[in-house]
C-alpha atoms as a PDB file:
ATOM      1  CA  MET A   1     -16.720  16.901 -39.141  1.00  0.00           C
ATOM      2  CA  LEU A   2     -14.639  18.880 -38.034  1.00  0.00           C
ATOM      3  CA  VAL A   3     -16.858  19.895 -35.300  1.00  0.00           C
ATOM      4  CA  VAL A   4     -17.317  16.855 -34.206  1.00  0.00           C
ATOM      5  CA  ALA A   5     -13.247  16.002 -34.014  1.00  0.00           C
ATOM      6  CA  SER A   6     -13.374  19.524 -31.995  1.00  0.00           C
ATOM      7  CA  LEU A   7     -15.494  17.916 -29.597  1.00  0.00           C
ATOM      8  CA  VAL A   8     -14.076  14.196 -29.391  1.00  0.00           C
ATOM      9  CA  PHE A   9     -10.735  15.022 -28.900  1.00  0.00           C
ATOM     10  CA  PRO A  10     -10.576  16.415 -26.068  1.00  0.00           C
ATOM     11  CA  VAL A  11     -12.302  14.018 -24.204  1.00  0.00           C
ATOM     12  CA  ALA A  12     -10.190  11.867 -25.681  1.00  0.00           C
ATOM     13  CA  ALA A  13      -7.350  13.416 -24.257  1.00  0.00           C
ATOM     14  CA  ARG A  14      -8.943  13.541 -21.024  1.00  0.00           C
ATOM     15  CA  ALA A  15      -9.411   9.769 -21.063  1.00  0.00           C
ATOM     16  CA  ASP A  16      -5.475   9.072 -21.943  1.00  0.00           C
ATOM     17  CA  GLU A  17      -4.698  11.362 -19.369  1.00  0.00           C
ATOM     18  CA  ALA A  18      -6.901   9.847 -16.395  1.00  0.00           C
ATOM     19  CA  SER A  19      -5.296   7.017 -17.852  1.00  0.00           C
ATOM     20  CA  ASP A  20      -1.864   7.640 -17.273  1.00  0.00           C
ATOM     21  CA  LYS A  21      -2.514   9.031 -14.345  1.00  0.00           C
ATOM     22  CA  ALA A  22      -3.750   6.229 -12.879  1.00  0.00           C
ATOM     23  CA  ALA A  23      -1.084   4.059 -14.202  1.00  0.00           C
ATOM     24  CA  LEU A  24       1.581   6.566 -12.716  1.00  0.00           C
ATOM     25  CA  ALA A  25      -0.734   5.875  -9.496  1.00  0.00           C
ATOM     26  CA  ARG A  26      -0.035   2.291  -9.466  1.00  0.00           C
ATOM     27  CA  GLN A  27       3.520   2.533 -10.014  1.00  0.00           C
ATOM     28  CA  ALA A  28       4.184   4.831  -7.126  1.00  0.00           C
ATOM     29  CA  VAL A  29       1.921   2.363  -4.966  1.00  0.00           C
ATOM     30  CA  ASP A  30       3.747  -0.653  -6.450  1.00  0.00           C
ATOM     31  CA  LEU A  31       7.085   0.811  -5.423  1.00  0.00           C
ATOM     32  CA  SER A  32       6.195   2.301  -2.309  1.00  0.00           C
ATOM     33  CA  ILE A  33       3.381   0.400  -0.472  1.00  0.00           C
ATOM     34  CA  ALA A  34       2.841  -2.798  -2.069  1.00  0.00           C
ATOM     35  CA  PRO A  35       6.356  -4.263  -0.637  1.00  0.00           C
ATOM     36  CA  GLY A  36       4.925  -3.609   2.799  1.00  0.00           C
ATOM     37  CA  LEU A  37       1.796  -5.122   2.063  1.00  0.00           C
ATOM     38  CA  ASP A  38       3.597  -8.469   0.803  1.00  0.00           C
ATOM     39  CA  GLY A  39       5.576  -8.481   3.751  1.00  0.00           C
ATOM     40  CA  ARG A  40       3.185  -7.742   6.190  1.00  0.00           C
ATOM     41  CA  ILE A  41       0.622 -10.449   4.475  1.00  0.00           C
ATOM     42  CA  ALA A  42       3.748 -12.911   4.765  1.00  0.00           C
ATOM     43  CA  ARG A  43       4.115 -12.197   8.347  1.00  0.00           C
ATOM     44  CA  MET A  44       0.345 -12.904   9.134  1.00  0.00           C
ATOM     45  CA  ILE A  45       0.127 -15.939   7.269  1.00  0.00           C
ATOM     46  CA  GLY A  46       2.980 -17.210   9.283  1.00  0.00           C
ATOM     47  CA  GLN A  47       2.173 -16.352  12.537  1.00  0.00           C
ATOM     48  CA  ALA A  48      -1.445 -18.052  11.453  1.00  0.00           C
ATOM     49  CA  VAL A  49       0.458 -21.130   9.877  1.00  0.00           C
ATOM     50  CA  GLU A  50       2.681 -21.504  13.256  1.00  0.00           C
ATOM     51  CA  LYS A  51       0.329 -22.504  15.601  1.00  0.00           C
ATOM     52  CA  LEU A  52      -0.908 -25.245  13.054  1.00  0.00           C
ATOM     53  CA  PRO A  53       0.427 -29.172  13.541  1.00  0.00           C
ATOM     54  CA  ALA A  54       3.758 -28.872  11.208  1.00  0.00           C
ATOM     55  CA  ASP A  55       2.469 -31.332   8.849  1.00  0.00           C
ATOM     56  CA  LYS A  56      -0.647 -28.988   8.149  1.00  0.00           C
ATOM     57  CA  GLN A  57       1.532 -25.572   7.698  1.00  0.00           C
ATOM     58  CA  ALA A  58       2.995 -26.256   4.223  1.00  0.00           C
ATOM     59  CA  GLN A  59      -0.556 -26.481   2.740  1.00  0.00           C
ATOM     60  CA  ALA A  60      -2.230 -24.187   5.061  1.00  0.00           C
ATOM     61  CA  ARG A  61       0.655 -20.912   4.245  1.00  0.00           C
ATOM     62  CA  ALA A  62      -0.079 -22.133   0.016  1.00  0.00           C
ATOM     63  CA  ASP A  63      -3.965 -22.225   0.743  1.00  0.00           C
ATOM     64  CA  LEU A  64      -3.427 -18.988   2.929  1.00  0.00           C
ATOM     65  CA  LEU A  65      -1.058 -16.883   0.070  1.00  0.00           C
ATOM     66  CA  LYS A  66      -3.368 -17.765  -2.814  1.00  0.00           C
ATOM     67  CA  ALA A  67      -6.469 -16.791  -0.806  1.00  0.00           C
ATOM     68  CA  ALA A  68      -4.566 -13.316   0.234  1.00  0.00           C
ATOM     69  CA  ALA A  69      -3.606 -12.688  -3.697  1.00  0.00           C
ATOM     70  CA  GLY A  70      -7.039 -10.954  -4.293  1.00  0.00           C
ATOM     71  CA  THR A  71      -7.028  -9.418  -0.899  1.00  0.00           C
ATOM     72  CA  ARG A  72      -3.191  -7.833  -1.368  1.00  0.00           C
ATOM     73  CA  GLU A  73      -4.423  -6.874  -5.508  1.00  0.00           C
ATOM     74  CA  ASP A  74      -7.697  -5.016  -3.882  1.00  0.00           C
ATOM     75  CA  LEU A  75      -5.654  -3.306  -1.044  1.00  0.00           C
ATOM     76  CA  VAL A  76      -3.048  -2.149  -3.696  1.00  0.00           C
ATOM     77  CA  GLY A  77      -6.143  -0.768  -5.937  1.00  0.00           C
ATOM     78  CA  VAL A  78      -7.505   1.214  -3.139  1.00  0.00           C
ATOM     79  CA  PHE A  79      -3.947   2.803  -2.541  1.00  0.00           C
ATOM     80  CA  ALA A  80      -3.371   3.312  -6.512  1.00  0.00           C
ATOM     81  CA  THR A  81      -7.235   5.193  -6.440  1.00  0.00           C
ATOM     82  CA  TYR A  82      -6.319   7.198  -3.485  1.00  0.00           C
ATOM     83  CA  TYR A  83      -2.648   8.256  -4.992  1.00  0.00           C
ATOM     84  CA  ALA A  84      -4.367   8.974  -8.696  1.00  0.00           C
ATOM     85  CA  GLY A  85      -6.595  11.342  -6.864  1.00  0.00           C
ATOM     86  CA  ALA A  86      -4.215  12.798  -4.490  1.00  0.00           C
ATOM     87  CA  PHE A  87      -1.725  13.715  -6.601  1.00  0.00           C
ATOM     88  CA  THR A  88      -0.929  15.412  -9.689  1.00  0.00           C
ATOM     89  CA  VAL A  89       0.562  13.362 -12.762  1.00  0.00           C
ATOM     90  CA  ALA A  90       3.646  15.496 -12.086  1.00  0.00           C
ATOM     91  CA  GLU A  91       3.665  14.386  -8.354  1.00  0.00           C
ATOM     92  CA  LEU A  92       3.184  11.074  -8.942  1.00  0.00           C
ATOM     93  CA  LYS A  93       6.131  10.856 -11.529  1.00  0.00           C
ATOM     94  CA  GLU A  94       8.085  12.345  -8.971  1.00  0.00           C
ATOM     95  CA  LEU A  95       7.324   9.793  -6.207  1.00  0.00           C
ATOM     96  CA  SER A  96       7.811   6.820  -8.491  1.00  0.00           C
ATOM     97  CA  ALA A  97      11.261   8.581  -9.221  1.00  0.00           C
ATOM     98  CA  PHE A  98      12.179   8.448  -5.584  1.00  0.00           C
ATOM     99  CA  TYR A  99      10.811   4.939  -5.090  1.00  0.00           C
ATOM    100  CA  SER A 100      12.698   4.072  -8.261  1.00  0.00           C
ATOM    101  CA  SER A 101      15.723   5.501  -6.601  1.00  0.00           C
ATOM    102  CA  PRO A 102      18.554   3.810  -4.549  1.00  0.00           C
ATOM    103  CA  VAL A 103      17.521   5.938  -1.608  1.00  0.00           C
ATOM    104  CA  GLY A 104      13.852   5.327  -2.295  1.00  0.00           C
ATOM    105  CA  ARG A 105      14.030   1.575  -2.352  1.00  0.00           C
ATOM    106  CA  LYS A 106      16.031   1.655   0.798  1.00  0.00           C
ATOM    107  CA  VAL A 107      13.432   3.387   2.646  1.00  0.00           C
ATOM    108  CA  VAL A 108      10.995   0.678   1.620  1.00  0.00           C
ATOM    109  CA  GLN A 109      13.743  -2.233   2.724  1.00  0.00           C
ATOM    110  CA  VAL A 110      14.431  -0.156   5.904  1.00  0.00           C
ATOM    111  CA  GLU A 111      10.949  -0.013   6.380  1.00  0.00           C
ATOM    112  CA  GLU A 112      10.057  -3.171   6.096  1.00  0.00           C
ATOM    113  CA  ASN A 113      12.828  -4.643   8.198  1.00  0.00           C
ATOM    114  CA  LYS A 114      12.948  -2.558  11.572  1.00  0.00           C
ATOM    115  CA  PRO A 115      13.972  -4.535  14.602  1.00  0.00           C
ATOM    116  CA  ALA A 116      11.211  -6.112  16.217  1.00  0.00           C
ATOM    117  CA  ALA A 117      12.157  -3.573  19.121  1.00  0.00           C
ATOM    118  CA  VAL A 118      11.302  -1.210  16.813  1.00  0.00           C
ATOM    119  CA  ASP A 119       7.775  -2.240  16.191  1.00  0.00           C
ATOM    120  CA  ALA A 120       7.348  -3.036  19.806  1.00  0.00           C
ATOM    121  CA  ALA A 121       7.960   0.652  20.569  1.00  0.00           C
ATOM    122  CA  ILE A 122       5.706   1.702  17.978  1.00  0.00           C
ATOM    123  CA  GLN A 123       3.243  -0.064  19.411  1.00  0.00           C
ATOM    124  CA  GLN A 124       3.860   0.441  22.853  1.00  0.00           C
ATOM    125  CA  GLN A 125       2.911   4.346  21.848  1.00  0.00           C
ATOM    126  CA  ILE A 126       0.175   3.400  19.785  1.00  0.00           C
ATOM    127  CA  MET A 127      -0.897   1.993  23.135  1.00  0.00           C
ATOM    128  CA  LYS A 128      -0.775   5.057  25.255  1.00  0.00           C
ATOM    129  CA  LEU A 129      -2.467   7.180  22.411  1.00  0.00           C
ATOM    130  CA  VAL A 130      -4.960   4.462  23.372  1.00  0.00           C
ATOM    131  CA  ALA A 131      -5.233   4.754  26.689  1.00  0.00           C
ATOM    132  CA  LEU A 132      -4.949   8.840  26.376  1.00  0.00           C
ATOM    133  CA  ALA A 133      -7.920   8.738  24.151  1.00  0.00           C
ATOM    134  CA  ASN A 134     -10.497   6.041  26.486  1.00  0.00           C
ATOM    135  CA  THR A 135      -9.703   8.270  29.665  1.00  0.00           C
ATOM    136  CA  PRO A 136     -12.125  10.548  30.239  1.00  0.00           C
ATOM    137  CA  ALA A 137     -11.593  14.528  30.622  1.00  0.00           C
ATOM    138  CA  PRO A 138     -11.156  15.880  33.637  1.00  0.00           C
ATOM    139  CA  VAL A 139     -14.429  17.334  35.116  1.00  0.00           C
ATOM    140  CA  ARG A 140     -13.690  21.088  35.919  1.00  0.00           C
END
C-alpha cells in the first residue's frame, strides 16, 4: 500500500500544481488582458452597429454582444494557456499582484482609454513598418 501511495501522491501533487498554475494564469489574464479585449470588442460592435438604421441598432448590439461572449472566452483561454506555459507560478503570482495593485489597474485603464490621436499615431507607425516591409530591397 505504501508503494502505491508513494507513486500516486507525486502525480496528484503535480496535477494540483498544474491546476493552481492554470488558475493563476487565468487570474493574471483576467486582470491584464481581458479588460482590453472587452473594450476592443465593444468598440468593434459599436462601429458595426452605427452603420445600421437607428431602429435596428439596439437589437443588433445585443445580438452581437451575445455572440461575442464565446469568442471573448476563447481568447481569454488562449492567453491563459499561453501564460501558464510562459510564466512560473511565482511569476504569475507577481503578475496578479501587480495588476491587482493601484498602479497595475491604472496601467490597464490608461491603455484602454488612450486618446484617439495616440491610436492614430500608433496606427501610422505600424503602416510605415508595413510599407517598409513591402518595399523591395535595393539591388547591389
